[in-house]
Amino acid sequence: MDKRTILIDLDGVLNTYDGQFEDFFIPPIAAHAYEFIKELSIDYKIVIFTSRNLLSASKWVMDNKLENFISDVTNIKIPAFLIIDDRCINFSGNFSELKYNIDNFIPWYKK
């Protein structure tokens, strides 16, 4: 049985990103992210997506010893069962609610 793919954003989910983007520095891994990815990889194919340089992001994966749990690093959102992102709104089928959520969106690290 093939594992279902989960796309996980790098900045703000797996690392300690706080909104201050630096071209040549990827923040350290977030607390408990290693354990989370290791456990999730048992049942799911994990793909990291990022707007960062793919070579730098891949190096970050290796530096944090995640290469055995991560299937790929990409900068495009490929078809997936789920997407985990710090800048995302779940669509519930209600456009009025969606507009309200867009207008009032605040990333978790600014709350």
PDB file of N, CA and C in Angstrom:
ATOM      1  N   MET A   1       0.836  -1.191   0.000  1.00  0.00           N
ATOM      2  CA  MET A   1       0.000   0.000   0.000  1.00  0.00           C
ATOM      3  C   MET A   1       0.879   1.252   0.000  1.00  0.00           C
ATOM      4  N   ASP A   2       0.598   2.154  -0.937  1.00  0.00           N
ATOM      5  CA  ASP A   2       1.346   3.400  -1.008  1.00  0.00           C
ATOM      6  C   ASP A   2       0.952   4.323   0.131  1.00  0.00           C
ATOM      7  N   LYS A   3       1.941   5.021   0.653  1.00  0.00           N
ATOM      8  CA  LYS A   3       1.671   5.998   1.699  1.00  0.00           C
ATOM      9  C   LYS A   3       1.108   7.268   1.069  1.00  0.00           C
ATOM     10  N   ARG A   4       0.174   7.909   1.744  1.00  0.00           N
ATOM     11  CA  ARG A   4      -0.348   9.196   1.285  1.00  0.00           C
ATOM     12  C   ARG A   4       0.662  10.292   1.588  1.00  0.00           C
ATOM     13  N   THR A   5       0.739  11.264   0.688  1.00  0.00           N
ATOM     14  CA  THR A   5       1.715  12.343   0.805  1.00  0.00           C
ATOM     15  C   THR A   5       1.181  13.477   1.661  1.00  0.00           C
ATOM     16  N   ILE A   6       2.044  13.968   2.540  1.00  0.00           N
ATOM     17  CA  ILE A   6       1.765  15.182   3.302  1.00  0.00           C
ATOM     18  C   ILE A   6       2.854  16.183   2.957  1.00  0.00           C
ATOM     19  N   LEU A   7       2.445  17.356   2.483  1.00  0.00           N
ATOM     20  CA  LEU A   7       3.371  18.458   2.217  1.00  0.00           C
ATOM     21  C   LEU A   7       3.478  19.287   3.481  1.00  0.00           C
ATOM     22  N   ILE A   8       4.690  19.584   3.890  1.00  0.00           N
ATOM     23  CA  ILE A   8       4.895  20.389   5.089  1.00  0.00           C
ATOM     24  C   ILE A   8       5.794  21.564   4.744  1.00  0.00           C
ATOM     25  N   ASP A   9       5.321  22.758   5.063  1.00  0.00           N
ATOM     26  CA  ASP A   9       6.096  23.977   4.847  1.00  0.00           C
ATOM     27  C   ASP A   9       7.289  23.991   5.803  1.00  0.00           C
ATOM     28  N   LEU A  10       8.416  24.482   5.322  1.00  0.00           N
ATOM     29  CA  LEU A  10       9.624  24.547   6.149  1.00  0.00           C
ATOM     30  C   LEU A  10       9.552  25.703   7.146  1.00  0.00           C
ATOM     31  N   ASP A  11       9.452  26.932   6.628  1.00  0.00           N
ATOM     32  CA  ASP A  11       9.478  28.112   7.500  1.00  0.00           C
ATOM     33  C   ASP A  11       8.179  28.260   8.287  1.00  0.00           C
ATOM     34  N   GLY A  12       8.316  28.389   9.584  1.00  0.00           N
ATOM     35  CA  GLY A  12       7.163  28.619  10.439  1.00  0.00           C
ATOM     36  C   GLY A  12       6.461  27.354  10.881  1.00  0.00           C
ATOM     37  N   VAL A  13       6.877  26.211  10.338  1.00  0.00           N
ATOM     38  CA  VAL A  13       6.304  24.934  10.770  1.00  0.00           C
ATOM     39  C   VAL A  13       7.427  24.054  11.335  1.00  0.00           C
ATOM     40  N   LEU A  14       8.405  23.736  10.510  1.00  0.00           N
ATOM     41  CA  LEU A  14       9.473  22.851  10.953  1.00  0.00           C
ATOM     42  C   LEU A  14      10.652  23.571  11.582  1.00  0.00           C
ATOM     43  N   ASN A  15      10.753  24.871  11.347  1.00  0.00           N
ATOM     44  CA  ASN A  15      11.854  25.607  11.955  1.00  0.00           C
ATOM     45  C   ASN A  15      11.317  26.750  12.825  1.00  0.00           C
ATOM     46  N   THR A  16      12.210  27.494  13.412  1.00  0.00           N
ATOM     47  CA  THR A  16      11.836  28.560  14.351  1.00  0.00           C
ATOM     48  C   THR A  16      11.665  29.911  13.673  1.00  0.00           C
ATOM     49  N   TYR A  17      11.305  29.900  12.423  1.00  0.00           N
ATOM     50  CA  TYR A  17      11.062  31.132  11.643  1.00  0.00           C
ATOM     51  C   TYR A  17      10.083  32.050  12.367  1.00  0.00           C
ATOM     52  N   ASP A  18      10.422  33.343  12.402  1.00  0.00           N
ATOM     53  CA  ASP A  18       9.573  34.321  13.083  1.00  0.00           C
ATOM     54  C   ASP A  18       9.153  35.471  12.174  1.00  0.00           C
ATOM     55  N   GLY A  19       9.227  35.247  10.861  1.00  0.00           N
ATOM     56  CA  GLY A  19       8.825  36.274   9.911  1.00  0.00           C
ATOM     57  C   GLY A  19       9.974  37.081   9.344  1.00  0.00           C
ATOM     58  N   GLN A  20      11.161  36.907   9.885  1.00  0.00           N
ATOM     59  CA  GLN A  20      12.342  37.642   9.424  1.00  0.00           C
ATOM     60  C   GLN A  20      13.138  36.762   8.461  1.00  0.00           C
ATOM     61  N   PHE A  21      12.863  36.905   7.169  1.00  0.00           N
ATOM     62  CA  PHE A  21      13.497  36.063   6.155  1.00  0.00           C
ATOM     63  C   PHE A  21      14.908  36.549   5.857  1.00  0.00           C
ATOM     64  N   GLU A  22      15.862  35.621   5.871  1.00  0.00           N
ATOM     65  CA  GLU A  22      17.236  35.898   5.476  1.00  0.00           C
ATOM     66  C   GLU A  22      17.607  34.910   4.378  1.00  0.00           C
ATOM     67  N   ASP A  23      18.168  35.411   3.276  1.00  0.00           N
ATOM     68  CA  ASP A  23      18.480  34.569   2.122  1.00  0.00           C
ATOM     69  C   ASP A  23      19.371  33.377   2.440  1.00  0.00           C
ATOM     70  N   PHE A  24      20.379  33.572   3.255  1.00  0.00           N
ATOM     71  CA  PHE A  24      21.376  32.518   3.450  1.00  0.00           C
ATOM     72  C   PHE A  24      21.366  31.926   4.853  1.00  0.00           C
ATOM     73  N   PHE A  25      20.244  32.056   5.551  1.00  0.00           N
ATOM     74  CA  PHE A  25      20.133  31.485   6.886  1.00  0.00           C
ATOM     75  C   PHE A  25      18.749  30.864   7.062  1.00  0.00           C
ATOM     76  N   ILE A  26      18.725  29.581   7.323  1.00  0.00           N
ATOM     77  CA  ILE A  26      17.476  28.904   7.648  1.00  0.00           C
ATOM     78  C   ILE A  26      17.491  28.674   9.155  1.00  0.00           C
ATOM     79  N   PRO A  27      16.474  29.164   9.853  1.00  0.00           N
ATOM     80  CA  PRO A  27      16.450  29.042  11.314  1.00  0.00           C
ATOM     81  C   PRO A  27      16.527  27.594  11.789  1.00  0.00           C
ATOM     82  N   PRO A  28      16.910  27.404  13.051  1.00  0.00           N
ATOM     83  CA  PRO A  28      17.025  26.057  13.623  1.00  0.00           C
ATOM     84  C   PRO A  28      15.696  25.305  13.614  1.00  0.00           C
ATOM     85  N   ILE A  29      15.806  23.999  13.721  1.00  0.00           N
ATOM     86  CA  ILE A  29      14.624  23.148  13.773  1.00  0.00           C
ATOM     87  C   ILE A  29      13.784  23.500  15.005  1.00  0.00           C
ATOM     88  N   ALA A  30      12.477  23.466  14.851  1.00  0.00           N
ATOM     89  CA  ALA A  30      11.559  23.770  15.944  1.00  0.00           C
ATOM     90  C   ALA A  30      11.563  22.643  16.976  1.00  0.00           C
ATOM     91  N   ALA A  31      11.263  23.003  18.204  1.00  0.00           N
ATOM     92  CA  ALA A  31      11.156  21.999  19.265  1.00  0.00           C
ATOM     93  C   ALA A  31      10.128  20.941  18.862  1.00  0.00           C
ATOM     94  N   HIS A  32      10.477  19.703  19.037  1.00  0.00           N
ATOM     95  CA  HIS A  32       9.623  18.535  18.786  1.00  0.00           C
ATOM     96  C   HIS A  32       9.377  18.239  17.300  1.00  0.00           C
ATOM     97  N   ALA A  33       9.939  19.050  16.387  1.00  0.00           N
ATOM     98  CA  ALA A  33       9.724  18.807  14.955  1.00  0.00           C
ATOM     99  C   ALA A  33      10.367  17.492  14.509  1.00  0.00           C
ATOM    100  N   TYR A  34      11.549  17.188  15.015  1.00  0.00           N
ATOM    101  CA  TYR A  34      12.226  15.945  14.629  1.00  0.00           C
ATOM    102  C   TYR A  34      11.358  14.741  14.983  1.00  0.00           C
ATOM    103  N   GLU A  35      10.879  14.691  16.214  1.00  0.00           N
ATOM    104  CA  GLU A  35      10.061  13.574  16.678  1.00  0.00           C
ATOM    105  C   GLU A  35       8.761  13.483  15.878  1.00  0.00           C
ATOM    106  N   PHE A  36       8.164  14.638  15.588  1.00  0.00           N
ATOM    107  CA  PHE A  36       6.925  14.691  14.814  1.00  0.00           C
ATOM    108  C   PHE A  36       7.125  14.099  13.424  1.00  0.00           C
ATOM    109  N   ILE A  37       8.179  14.536  12.738  1.00  0.00           N
ATOM    110  CA  ILE A  37       8.460  14.048  11.380  1.00  0.00           C
ATOM    111  C   ILE A  37       8.774  12.553  11.405  1.00  0.00           C
ATOM    112  N   LYS A  38       9.558  12.125  12.365  1.00  0.00           N
ATOM    113  CA  LYS A  38       9.910  10.707  12.475  1.00  0.00           C
ATOM    114  C   LYS A  38       8.650   9.857  12.644  1.00  0.00           C
ATOM    115  N   GLU A  39       7.768  10.264  13.531  1.00  0.00           N
ATOM    116  CA  GLU A  39       6.537   9.516  13.765  1.00  0.00           C
ATOM    117  C   GLU A  39       5.605   9.557  12.555  1.00  0.00           C
ATOM    118  N   LEU A  40       5.448  10.743  11.952  1.00  0.00           N
ATOM    119  CA  LEU A  40       4.566  10.902  10.806  1.00  0.00           C
ATOM    120  C   LEU A  40       5.027  10.067   9.613  1.00  0.00           C
ATOM    121  N   SER A  41       6.341   9.939   9.469  1.00  0.00           N
ATOM    122  CA  SER A  41       6.886   9.221   8.316  1.00  0.00           C
ATOM    123  C   SER A  41       6.590   7.725   8.337  1.00  0.00           C
ATOM    124  N   ILE A  42       6.170   7.210   9.458  1.00  0.00           N
ATOM    125  CA  ILE A  42       5.814   5.793   9.539  1.00  0.00           C
ATOM    126  C   ILE A  42       4.602   5.507   8.653  1.00  0.00           C
ATOM    127  N   ASP A  43       3.633   6.412   8.669  1.00  0.00           N
ATOM    128  CA  ASP A  43       2.380   6.197   7.941  1.00  0.00           C
ATOM    129  C   ASP A  43       2.207   7.056   6.693  1.00  0.00           C
ATOM    130  N   TYR A  44       3.046   8.082   6.528  1.00  0.00           N
ATOM    131  CA  TYR A  44       2.879   9.023   5.420  1.00  0.00           C
ATOM    132  C   TYR A  44       4.198   9.283   4.713  1.00  0.00           C
ATOM    133  N   LYS A  45       4.098   9.624   3.448  1.00  0.00           N
ATOM    134  CA  LYS A  45       5.240  10.114   2.665  1.00  0.00           C
ATOM    135  C   LYS A  45       5.338  11.606   2.945  1.00  0.00           C
ATOM    136  N   ILE A  46       6.469  12.050   3.454  1.00  0.00           N
ATOM    137  CA  ILE A  46       6.645  13.450   3.845  1.00  0.00           C
ATOM    138  C   ILE A  46       7.459  14.184   2.785  1.00  0.00           C
ATOM    139  N   VAL A  47       6.900  15.286   2.285  1.00  0.00           N
ATOM    140  CA  VAL A  47       7.585  16.164   1.339  1.00  0.00           C
ATOM    141  C   VAL A  47       7.601  17.554   1.946  1.00  0.00           C
ATOM    142  N   ILE A  48       8.771  18.157   1.988  1.00  0.00           N
ATOM    143  CA  ILE A  48       8.893  19.530   2.475  1.00  0.00           C
ATOM    144  C   ILE A  48       8.784  20.457   1.278  1.00  0.00           C
ATOM    145  N   PHE A  49       7.979  21.512   1.433  1.00  0.00           N
ATOM    146  CA  PHE A  49       7.967  22.534   0.395  1.00  0.00           C
ATOM    147  C   PHE A  49       8.394  23.854   1.000  1.00  0.00           C
ATOM    148  N   THR A  50       9.052  24.659   0.162  1.00  0.00           N
ATOM    149  CA  THR A  50       9.626  25.909   0.629  1.00  0.00           C
ATOM    150  C   THR A  50       9.841  26.861  -0.539  1.00  0.00           C
ATOM    151  N   SER A  51       9.864  28.136  -0.251  1.00  0.00           N
ATOM    152  CA  SER A  51      10.221  29.126  -1.274  1.00  0.00           C
ATOM    153  C   SER A  51      11.724  29.387  -1.267  1.00  0.00           C
ATOM    154  N   ARG A  52      12.422  28.747  -0.369  1.00  0.00           N
ATOM    155  CA  ARG A  52      13.870  28.922  -0.257  1.00  0.00           C
ATOM    156  C   ARG A  52      14.611  28.156  -1.359  1.00  0.00           C
ATOM    157  N   ASN A  53      15.881  28.443  -1.467  1.00  0.00           N
ATOM    158  CA  ASN A  53      16.766  27.717  -2.361  1.00  0.00           C
ATOM    159  C   ASN A  53      16.716  26.235  -1.985  1.00  0.00           C
ATOM    160  N   LEU A  54      16.456  25.383  -2.972  1.00  0.00           N
ATOM    161  CA  LEU A  54      16.283  23.955  -2.691  1.00  0.00           C
ATOM    162  C   LEU A  54      17.553  23.286  -2.157  1.00  0.00           C
ATOM    163  N   LEU A  55      18.709  23.730  -2.616  1.00  0.00           N
ATOM    164  CA  LEU A  55      19.959  23.169  -2.120  1.00  0.00           C
ATOM    165  C   LEU A  55      20.133  23.502  -0.635  1.00  0.00           C
ATOM    166  N   SER A  56      19.852  24.749  -0.276  1.00  0.00           N
ATOM    167  CA  SER A  56      19.948  25.154   1.133  1.00  0.00           C
ATOM    168  C   SER A  56      18.952  24.398   2.001  1.00  0.00           C
ATOM    169  N   ALA A  57      17.730  24.239   1.489  1.00  0.00           N
ATOM    170  CA  ALA A  57      16.702  23.521   2.246  1.00  0.00           C
ATOM    171  C   ALA A  57      17.072  22.049   2.399  1.00  0.00           C
ATOM    172  N   SER A  58      17.618  21.450   1.354  1.00  0.00           N
ATOM    173  CA  SER A  58      18.044  20.051   1.437  1.00  0.00           C
ATOM    174  C   SER A  58      19.188  19.892   2.438  1.00  0.00           C
ATOM    175  N   LYS A  59      20.093  20.847   2.450  1.00  0.00           N
ATOM    176  CA  LYS A  59      21.188  20.827   3.430  1.00  0.00           C
ATOM    177  C   LYS A  59      20.621  20.944   4.846  1.00  0.00           C
ATOM    178  N   TRP A  60      19.611  21.782   5.035  1.00  0.00           N
ATOM    179  CA  TRP A  60      18.969  21.926   6.346  1.00  0.00           C
ATOM    180  C   TRP A  60      18.379  20.582   6.789  1.00  0.00           C
ATOM    181  N   VAL A  61      17.746  19.872   5.867  1.00  0.00           N
ATOM    182  CA  VAL A  61      17.183  18.550   6.165  1.00  0.00           C
ATOM    183  C   VAL A  61      18.295  17.614   6.648  1.00  0.00           C
ATOM    184  N   MET A  62      19.416  17.588   5.936  1.00  0.00           N
ATOM    185  CA  MET A  62      20.522  16.705   6.315  1.00  0.00           C
ATOM    186  C   MET A  62      21.172  17.143   7.618  1.00  0.00           C
ATOM    187  N   ASP A  63      21.351  18.459   7.793  1.00  0.00           N
ATOM    188  CA  ASP A  63      21.953  18.968   9.027  1.00  0.00           C
ATOM    189  C   ASP A  63      21.122  18.600  10.252  1.00  0.00           C
ATOM    190  N   ASN A  64      19.818  18.457  10.056  1.00  0.00           N
ATOM    191  CA  ASN A  64      18.920  18.121  11.166  1.00  0.00           C
ATOM    192  C   ASN A  64      18.568  16.637  11.207  1.00  0.00           C
ATOM    193  N   LYS A  65      19.304  15.851  10.412  1.00  0.00           N
ATOM    194  CA  LYS A  65      19.186  14.387  10.397  1.00  0.00           C
ATOM    195  C   LYS A  65      17.760  13.900  10.104  1.00  0.00           C
ATOM    196  N   LEU A  66      17.110  14.582   9.156  1.00  0.00           N
ATOM    197  CA  LEU A  66      15.746  14.237   8.756  1.00  0.00           C
ATOM    198  C   LEU A  66      15.691  13.465   7.433  1.00  0.00           C
ATOM    199  N   GLU A  67      16.837  13.242   6.798  1.00  0.00           N
ATOM    200  CA  GLU A  67      16.848  12.673   5.453  1.00  0.00           C
ATOM    201  C   GLU A  67      16.216  11.277   5.375  1.00  0.00           C
ATOM    202  N   ASN A  68      16.199  10.542   6.457  1.00  0.00           N
ATOM    203  CA  ASN A  68      15.577   9.209   6.436  1.00  0.00           C
ATOM    204  C   ASN A  68      14.056   9.268   6.510  1.00  0.00           C
ATOM    205  N   PHE A  69      13.517  10.441   6.816  1.00  0.00           N
ATOM    206  CA  PHE A  69      12.072  10.590   6.998  1.00  0.00           C
ATOM    207  C   PHE A  69      11.419  11.441   5.911  1.00  0.00           C
ATOM    208  N   ILE A  70      12.226  12.178   5.170  1.00  0.00           N
ATOM    209  CA  ILE A  70      11.734  13.107   4.154  1.00  0.00           C
ATOM    210  C   ILE A  70      11.943  12.493   2.780  1.00  0.00           C
ATOM    211  N   SER A  71      10.877  12.435   1.984  1.00  0.00           N
ATOM    212  CA  SER A  71      10.976  11.856   0.636  1.00  0.00           C
ATOM    213  C   SER A  71      11.524  12.831  -0.386  1.00  0.00           C
ATOM    214  N   ASP A  72      11.227  14.125  -0.194  1.00  0.00           N
ATOM    215  CA  ASP A  72      11.650  15.117  -1.178  1.00  0.00           C
ATOM    216  C   ASP A  72      11.553  16.504  -0.577  1.00  0.00           C
ATOM    217  N   VAL A  73      12.241  17.444  -1.207  1.00  0.00           N
ATOM    218  CA  VAL A  73      12.140  18.869  -0.892  1.00  0.00           C
ATOM    219  C   VAL A  73      11.812  19.555  -2.210  1.00  0.00           C
ATOM    220  N   THR A  74      10.765  20.373  -2.205  1.00  0.00           N
ATOM    221  CA  THR A  74      10.317  21.001  -3.444  1.00  0.00           C
ATOM    222  C   THR A  74       9.896  22.446  -3.189  1.00  0.00           C
ATOM    223  N   ASN A  75       9.783  23.202  -4.264  1.00  0.00           N
ATOM    224  CA  ASN A  75       9.259  24.565  -4.134  1.00  0.00           C
ATOM    225  C   ASN A  75       7.929  24.714  -4.873  1.00  0.00           C
ATOM    226  N   ILE A  76       7.316  23.574  -5.185  1.00  0.00           N
ATOM    227  CA  ILE A  76       5.974  23.596  -5.765  1.00  0.00           C
ATOM    228  C   ILE A  76       5.060  22.715  -4.915  1.00  0.00           C
ATOM    229  N   LYS A  77       3.814  23.084  -4.854  1.00  0.00           N
ATOM    230  CA  LYS A  77       2.853  22.298  -4.086  1.00  0.00           C
ATOM    231  C   LYS A  77       2.312  21.187  -4.976  1.00  0.00           C
ATOM    232  N   ILE A  78       2.857  20.016  -4.779  1.00  0.00           N
ATOM    233  CA  ILE A  78       2.453  18.842  -5.562  1.00  0.00           C
ATOM    234  C   ILE A  78       1.147  18.274  -4.986  1.00  0.00           C
ATOM    235  N   PRO A  79       0.462  17.418  -5.724  1.00  0.00           N
ATOM    236  CA  PRO A  79      -0.748  16.802  -5.181  1.00  0.00           C
ATOM    237  C   PRO A  79      -0.435  16.065  -3.874  1.00  0.00           C
ATOM    238  N   ALA A  80      -1.278  16.289  -2.878  1.00  0.00           N
ATOM    239  CA  ALA A  80      -1.031  15.697  -1.568  1.00  0.00           C
ATOM    240  C   ALA A  80      -2.341  15.456  -0.837  1.00  0.00           C
ATOM    241  N   PHE A  81      -2.298  14.545   0.102  1.00  0.00           N
ATOM    242  CA  PHE A  81      -3.428  14.254   0.971  1.00  0.00           C
ATOM    243  C   PHE A  81      -3.703  15.453   1.874  1.00  0.00           C
ATOM    244  N   LEU A  82      -2.647  16.044   2.436  1.00  0.00           N
ATOM    245  CA  LEU A  82      -2.752  17.202   3.319  1.00  0.00           C
ATOM    246  C   LEU A  82      -1.586  18.149   3.083  1.00  0.00           C
ATOM    247  N   ILE A  83      -1.821  19.414   3.404  1.00  0.00           N
ATOM    248  CA  ILE A  83      -0.769  20.431   3.379  1.00  0.00           C
ATOM    249  C   ILE A  83      -0.735  21.077   4.754  1.00  0.00           C
ATOM    250  N   ILE A  84       0.455  21.142   5.336  1.00  0.00           N
ATOM    251  CA  ILE A  84       0.636  21.803   6.624  1.00  0.00           C
ATOM    252  C   ILE A  84       1.462  23.056   6.376  1.00  0.00           C
ATOM    253  N   ASP A  85       0.889  24.209   6.716  1.00  0.00           N
ATOM    254  CA  ASP A  85       1.522  25.493   6.425  1.00  0.00           C
ATOM    255  C   ASP A  85       1.126  26.488   7.509  1.00  0.00           C
ATOM    256  N   ASP A  86       2.046  27.366   7.873  1.00  0.00           N
ATOM    257  CA  ASP A  86       1.742  28.380   8.882  1.00  0.00           C
ATOM    258  C   ASP A  86       0.961  29.562   8.310  1.00  0.00           C
ATOM    259  N   ARG A  87       0.853  29.636   7.009  1.00  0.00           N
ATOM    260  CA  ARG A  87       0.103  30.721   6.363  1.00  0.00           C
ATOM    261  C   ARG A  87      -0.957  30.110   5.459  1.00  0.00           C
ATOM    262  N   CYS A  88      -1.918  29.473   6.095  1.00  0.00           N
ATOM    263  CA  CYS A  88      -2.929  28.751   5.343  1.00  0.00           C
ATOM    264  C   CYS A  88      -4.273  28.869   6.061  1.00  0.00           C
ATOM    265  N   ILE A  89      -5.331  28.893   5.290  1.00  0.00           N
ATOM    266  CA  ILE A  89      -6.682  28.917   5.838  1.00  0.00           C
ATOM    267  C   ILE A  89      -7.423  27.726   5.260  1.00  0.00           C
ATOM    268  N   ASN A  90      -8.093  27.004   6.117  1.00  0.00           N
ATOM    269  CA  ASN A  90      -8.881  25.855   5.675  1.00  0.00           C
ATOM    270  C   ASN A  90     -10.229  26.346   5.148  1.00  0.00           C
ATOM    271  N   PHE A  91     -10.568  25.951   3.932  1.00  0.00           N
ATOM    272  CA  PHE A  91     -11.847  26.343   3.340  1.00  0.00           C
ATOM    273  C   PHE A  91     -12.936  25.407   3.823  1.00  0.00           C
ATOM    274  N   SER A  92     -13.971  25.949   4.461  1.00  0.00           N
ATOM    275  CA  SER A  92     -15.052  25.151   5.037  1.00  0.00           C
ATOM    276  C   SER A  92     -16.263  25.048   4.122  1.00  0.00           C
ATOM    277  N   GLY A  93     -16.187  25.685   2.936  1.00  0.00           N
ATOM    278  CA  GLY A  93     -17.331  25.689   2.029  1.00  0.00           C
ATOM    279  C   GLY A  93     -18.141  26.977   2.122  1.00  0.00           C
ATOM    280  N   ASN A  94     -17.774  27.853   3.045  1.00  0.00           N
ATOM    281  CA  ASN A  94     -18.506  29.095   3.274  1.00  0.00           C
ATOM    282  C   ASN A  94     -17.619  30.277   2.880  1.00  0.00           C
ATOM    283  N   PHE A  95     -17.970  30.965   1.778  1.00  0.00           N
ATOM    284  CA  PHE A  95     -17.144  32.069   1.285  1.00  0.00           C
ATOM    285  C   PHE A  95     -17.175  33.285   2.197  1.00  0.00           C
ATOM    286  N   SER A  96     -18.280  33.541   2.866  1.00  0.00           N
ATOM    287  CA  SER A  96     -18.337  34.671   3.811  1.00  0.00           C
ATOM    288  C   SER A  96     -17.378  34.436   4.961  1.00  0.00           C
ATOM    289  N   GLU A  97     -17.384  33.221   5.479  1.00  0.00           N
ATOM    290  CA  GLU A  97     -16.462  32.867   6.559  1.00  0.00           C
ATOM    291  C   GLU A  97     -15.016  32.944   6.071  1.00  0.00           C
ATOM    292  N   LEU A  98     -14.773  32.499   4.844  1.00  0.00           N
ATOM    293  CA  LEU A  98     -13.436  32.541   4.265  1.00  0.00           C
ATOM    294  C   LEU A  98     -12.944  33.978   4.169  1.00  0.00           C
ATOM    295  N   LYS A  99     -13.782  34.888   3.694  1.00  0.00           N
ATOM    296  CA  LYS A  99     -13.395  36.302   3.586  1.00  0.00           C
ATOM    297  C   LYS A  99     -13.055  36.869   4.957  1.00  0.00           C
ATOM    298  N   TYR A 100     -13.878  36.553   5.948  1.00  0.00           N
ATOM    299  CA  TYR A 100     -13.612  37.013   7.318  1.00  0.00           C
ATOM    300  C   TYR A 100     -12.258  36.480   7.800  1.00  0.00           C
ATOM    301  N   ASN A 101     -11.991  35.189   7.561  1.00  0.00           N
ATOM    302  CA  ASN A 101     -10.733  34.585   7.994  1.00  0.00           C
ATOM    303  C   ASN A 101      -9.534  35.201   7.279  1.00  0.00           C
ATOM    304  N   ILE A 102      -9.698  35.549   6.013  1.00  0.00           N
ATOM    305  CA  ILE A 102      -8.623  36.213   5.266  1.00  0.00           C
ATOM    306  C   ILE A 102      -8.351  37.592   5.855  1.00  0.00           C
ATOM    307  N   ASP A 103      -9.410  38.370   6.060  1.00  0.00           N
ATOM    308  CA  ASP A 103      -9.260  39.731   6.581  1.00  0.00           C
ATOM    309  C   ASP A 103      -8.659  39.770   7.979  1.00  0.00           C
ATOM    310  N   ASN A 104      -8.832  38.711   8.752  1.00  0.00           N
ATOM    311  CA  ASN A 104      -8.379  38.692  10.146  1.00  0.00           C
ATOM    312  C   ASN A 104      -7.225  37.720  10.398  1.00  0.00           C
ATOM    313  N   PHE A 105      -6.578  37.280   9.332  1.00  0.00           N
ATOM    314  CA  PHE A 105      -5.507  36.300   9.469  1.00  0.00           C
ATOM    315  C   PHE A 105      -4.281  36.885  10.156  1.00  0.00           C
ATOM    316  N   ILE A 106      -3.753  36.139  11.102  1.00  0.00           N
ATOM    317  CA  ILE A 106      -2.496  36.473  11.776  1.00  0.00           C
ATOM    318  C   ILE A 106      -1.702  35.172  11.902  1.00  0.00           C
ATOM    319  N   PRO A 107      -0.438  35.146  11.436  1.00  0.00           N
ATOM    320  CA  PRO A 107       0.360  33.919  11.606  1.00  0.00           C
ATOM    321  C   PRO A 107       0.483  33.581  13.097  1.00  0.00           C
ATOM    322  N   TRP A 108       0.604  32.312  13.388  1.00  0.00           N
ATOM    323  CA  TRP A 108       0.654  31.861  14.787  1.00  0.00           C
ATOM    324  C   TRP A 108       1.766  32.523  15.578  1.00  0.00           C
ATOM    325  N   TYR A 109       2.903  32.807  14.942  1.00  0.00           N
ATOM    326  CA  TYR A 109       4.037  33.357  15.681  1.00  0.00           C
ATOM    327  C   TYR A 109       3.903  34.853  15.957  1.00  0.00           C
ATOM    328  N   LYS A 110       2.806  35.486  15.487  1.00  0.00           N
ATOM    329  CA  LYS A 110       2.529  36.898  15.798  1.00  0.00           C
ATOM    330  C   LYS A 110       1.395  37.058  16.782  1.00  0.00           C
ATOM    331  N   LYS A 111       0.816  35.938  17.222  1.00  0.00           N
ATOM    332  CA  LYS A 111      -0.306  36.002  18.158  1.00  0.00           C
ATOM    333  C   LYS A 111       0.192  36.156  19.577  1.00  0.00           C
TER     334      LYS A 111
END
